[in-house]
Amino acid sequence: MDRLLSEEKKRMQASIEVFQKELETIRTGVATPALLNHVRVEVYGDRLPLNQVATVGATEGRLLVITPWDRSVVPAIEKAILTSDLGLTPNSDGHVIRLQIPSLTEERRHELAKQVSRKAEEARVAIRNIRRDTIAGFEKKEKAEGLSEDEVKKGKKEVQKATDQHIEKIDAIAGDKIEEITTL
């Protein structure tokens, strides 16, 4: 029973971590290197993450500076940024690429807030699915190993408690991100 609960908590925590990584890629009008985490660059006959071919830094509130380790990959990095869903235009001098992060319009802020809400709901659904799987595991153990009804009820309460805690975390993370997006 304890093994099922610990496994459930690990899976729920992993779901929250995935949710946080997804939110990092949502542009808020502030320059952060995490914006480029999902950008893959076609170099050396492979598609590599940007952070494996260049250093990315935020020098000002709205400026990202990408310094490739090999100058010959500058065009490939520019192309990867242009084809990404970020909507940013790279500015290159042949050595360094600069990305100016434009301020968000009110309409775009609302779209991004909705996107955060959708991702939060997906994370909540993942948590609930984990709860369902764990409860099913308790019921199987009840039949197979002869767990008592009281043990199963206790386990279900613990599962629900963990579910509620993780959903609260998701709501807090989403609320913070939405506030970050909507704050001018």
Protein backbone atom coordinates (compact mmCIF):
# COMPACT_ATOMS: atom_id res chain seq x y z
CA MET A 1 0.00 0.00 0.00
CA ASP A 2 2.79 2.41 0.91
CA ARG A 3 4.56 1.59 -2.34
CA LEU A 4 1.45 2.55 -4.34
CA LEU A 5 1.20 5.86 -2.46
CA SER A 6 4.86 6.75 -2.92
CA GLU A 7 4.68 5.85 -6.62
CA GLU A 8 1.57 8.00 -6.97
CA LYS A 9 3.26 11.01 -5.35
CA LYS A 10 6.31 10.63 -7.62
CA ARG A 11 4.10 10.53 -10.71
CA MET A 12 2.11 13.55 -9.55
CA GLN A 13 5.29 15.51 -8.86
CA ALA A 14 6.58 14.59 -12.33
CA SER A 15 3.32 15.93 -13.83
CA ILE A 16 3.82 19.23 -12.03
CA GLU A 17 7.41 19.46 -13.29
CA VAL A 18 6.26 18.87 -16.88
CA PHE A 19 3.62 21.58 -16.41
CA GLN A 20 6.24 24.04 -15.13
CA LYS A 21 8.53 23.31 -18.09
CA GLU A 22 5.65 23.94 -20.50
CA LEU A 23 4.95 27.28 -18.84
CA GLU A 24 8.59 28.34 -19.17
CA THR A 25 8.20 28.43 -22.94
CA ILE A 26 5.28 30.87 -22.84
CA ARG A 27 6.47 34.34 -23.70
CA THR A 28 5.56 36.98 -21.12
CA GLY A 29 7.18 40.08 -22.55
CA VAL A 30 10.24 39.59 -20.33
CA ALA A 31 13.44 38.10 -21.74
CA THR A 32 14.29 34.75 -20.20
CA PRO A 33 16.56 32.08 -21.70
CA ALA A 34 13.90 29.45 -20.90
CA LEU A 35 11.86 30.84 -23.80
CA LEU A 36 14.23 29.08 -26.17
CA ASN A 37 14.33 25.70 -24.39
CA HIS A 38 12.18 24.01 -27.03
CA VAL A 39 14.04 25.48 -30.05
CA ARG A 40 15.97 22.82 -31.95
CA VAL A 41 18.72 23.73 -34.40
CA GLU A 42 19.55 21.69 -37.51
CA VAL A 43 23.37 21.41 -37.30
CA TYR A 44 26.03 18.77 -37.89
CA GLY A 45 23.43 16.49 -39.47
CA ASP A 46 21.24 16.44 -36.35
CA ARG A 47 18.59 18.48 -34.57
CA LEU A 48 20.11 19.73 -31.32
CA PRO A 49 18.61 21.90 -28.58
CA LEU A 50 19.77 25.51 -28.88
CA ASN A 51 21.51 25.38 -25.51
CA GLN A 52 23.82 22.66 -26.88
CA VAL A 53 25.18 24.86 -29.67
CA ALA A 54 25.15 28.29 -28.03
CA THR A 55 25.02 30.25 -24.82
CA VAL A 56 21.77 32.12 -24.20
CA GLY A 57 21.66 35.08 -21.84
CA ALA A 58 19.26 37.84 -20.91
CA THR A 59 21.20 41.10 -20.87
CA GLU A 60 18.30 43.49 -20.38
CA GLY A 61 14.67 43.11 -19.47
CA ARG A 62 13.67 42.56 -23.09
CA LEU A 63 16.80 41.37 -24.87
CA LEU A 64 18.15 37.85 -25.28
CA VAL A 65 21.70 37.40 -26.57
CA ILE A 66 22.65 34.09 -28.21
CA THR A 67 26.36 33.45 -28.57
CA PRO A 68 27.06 30.36 -30.73
CA TRP A 69 30.12 28.32 -29.91
CA ASP A 70 30.73 27.89 -33.64
CA ARG A 71 30.05 30.92 -35.86
CA SER A 72 29.12 28.69 -38.78
CA VAL A 73 25.85 27.72 -37.03
CA VAL A 74 24.55 31.30 -36.82
CA PRO A 75 22.32 30.91 -39.94
CA ALA A 76 20.94 27.61 -38.65
CA ILE A 77 20.09 29.20 -35.29
CA GLU A 78 18.37 32.12 -37.03
CA LYS A 79 16.34 29.71 -39.15
CA ALA A 80 15.35 27.64 -36.09
CA ILE A 81 14.14 30.75 -34.27
CA LEU A 82 12.21 32.00 -37.30
CA THR A 83 10.47 28.65 -37.78
CA SER A 84 9.64 28.27 -34.07
CA ASP A 85 6.25 29.32 -32.72
CA LEU A 86 7.78 32.24 -30.76
CA GLY A 87 7.07 34.88 -33.36
CA LEU A 88 10.47 36.53 -32.83
CA THR A 89 12.84 37.89 -35.46
CA PRO A 90 16.55 37.35 -34.80
CA ASN A 91 19.04 40.15 -35.41
CA SER A 92 22.54 38.90 -36.18
CA ASP A 93 25.92 40.52 -36.73
CA GLY A 94 27.51 37.22 -37.81
CA HIS A 95 28.91 36.52 -34.33
CA VAL A 96 26.03 37.09 -31.94
CA ILE A 97 22.27 36.85 -32.35
CA ARG A 98 20.04 39.29 -30.52
CA LEU A 99 16.36 38.70 -29.89
CA GLN A 100 14.31 41.70 -28.94
CA ILE A 101 11.26 40.55 -26.95
CA PRO A 102 8.39 42.90 -27.85
CA SER A 103 5.88 43.95 -25.24
CA LEU A 104 2.63 42.04 -25.42
CA THR A 105 -0.63 43.55 -26.59
CA GLU A 106 -3.66 43.26 -24.35
CA GLU A 107 -5.24 40.79 -26.77
CA ARG A 108 -2.11 38.62 -26.81
CA ARG A 109 -1.98 38.70 -22.99
CA HIS A 110 -5.52 37.31 -22.85
CA GLU A 111 -4.64 34.58 -25.37
CA LEU A 112 -1.60 33.58 -23.33
CA ALA A 113 -3.63 33.56 -20.11
CA LYS A 114 -6.11 31.20 -21.78
CA GLN A 115 -3.23 29.03 -22.96
CA VAL A 116 -1.91 28.83 -19.39
CA SER A 117 -5.38 27.90 -18.16
CA ARG A 118 -5.62 25.13 -20.78
CA LYS A 119 -2.23 23.73 -19.80
CA ALA A 120 -3.24 23.89 -16.12
CA GLU A 121 -6.40 21.91 -16.87
CA GLU A 122 -4.34 19.31 -18.76
CA ALA A 123 -2.06 19.00 -15.71
CA ARG A 124 -5.09 18.63 -13.41
CA VAL A 125 -6.47 15.88 -15.65
CA ALA A 126 -3.10 14.09 -15.51
CA ILE A 127 -3.19 14.27 -11.69
CA ARG A 128 -6.74 12.90 -11.63
CA ASN A 129 -5.74 10.06 -13.96
CA ILE A 130 -2.92 9.15 -11.58
CA ARG A 131 -5.45 9.18 -8.71
CA ARG A 132 -7.74 6.87 -10.68
CA ASP A 133 -4.89 4.45 -11.44
CA THR A 134 -3.79 4.38 -7.81
CA ILE A 135 -7.31 3.75 -6.52
CA ALA A 136 -7.65 0.92 -9.06
CA GLY A 137 -4.38 -0.47 -7.70
CA PHE A 138 -5.82 -0.47 -4.17
CA GLU A 139 -8.92 -2.28 -5.35
CA LYS A 140 -6.81 -4.92 -7.09
CA LYS A 141 -4.75 -5.41 -3.95
CA GLU A 142 -7.94 -5.69 -1.91
CA LYS A 143 -9.05 -8.61 -4.08
CA ALA A 144 -5.64 -10.21 -4.65
CA GLU A 145 -3.91 -9.70 -1.31
CA GLY A 146 -6.92 -9.47 0.95
CA LEU A 147 -6.52 -5.89 2.14
CA SER A 148 -9.26 -4.90 4.56
CA GLU A 149 -11.91 -2.36 3.63
CA ASP A 150 -10.54 0.01 6.25
CA GLU A 151 -7.05 -0.14 4.72
CA VAL A 152 -8.48 0.54 1.27
CA LYS A 153 -10.58 3.45 2.59
CA LYS A 154 -7.53 4.88 4.34
CA GLY A 155 -5.50 4.51 1.15
CA LYS A 156 -8.20 6.22 -0.91
CA LYS A 157 -8.28 9.12 1.57
CA GLU A 158 -4.51 9.50 1.32
CA VAL A 159 -4.72 9.42 -2.47
CA GLN A 160 -7.40 12.12 -2.47
CA LYS A 161 -5.38 14.23 -0.04
CA ALA A 162 -2.29 14.01 -2.28
CA THR A 163 -4.43 14.76 -5.33
CA ASP A 164 -5.87 17.88 -3.70
CA GLN A 165 -2.40 19.09 -2.68
CA HIS A 166 -0.98 18.66 -6.16
CA ILE A 167 -3.95 20.35 -7.81
CA GLU A 168 -3.50 23.29 -5.41
CA LYS A 169 0.15 23.51 -6.52
CA ILE A 170 -0.92 23.55 -10.16
CA ASP A 171 -3.47 26.28 -9.46
CA ALA A 172 -0.87 28.37 -7.63
CA ILE A 173 1.70 27.98 -10.42
CA ALA A 174 -0.89 28.84 -13.08
CA GLY A 175 -2.10 31.84 -11.08
CA ASP A 176 1.46 33.17 -10.76
CA LYS A 177 2.07 32.73 -14.50
CA ILE A 178 -1.20 34.42 -15.44
CA GLU A 179 -0.37 37.32 -13.11
CA GLU A 180 3.09 37.57 -14.71
CA ILE A 181 1.51 37.65 -18.17
CA THR A 182 -1.21 40.17 -17.38
CA THR A 183 0.98 42.55 -15.38
CA LEU A 184 2.13 45.40 -17.57
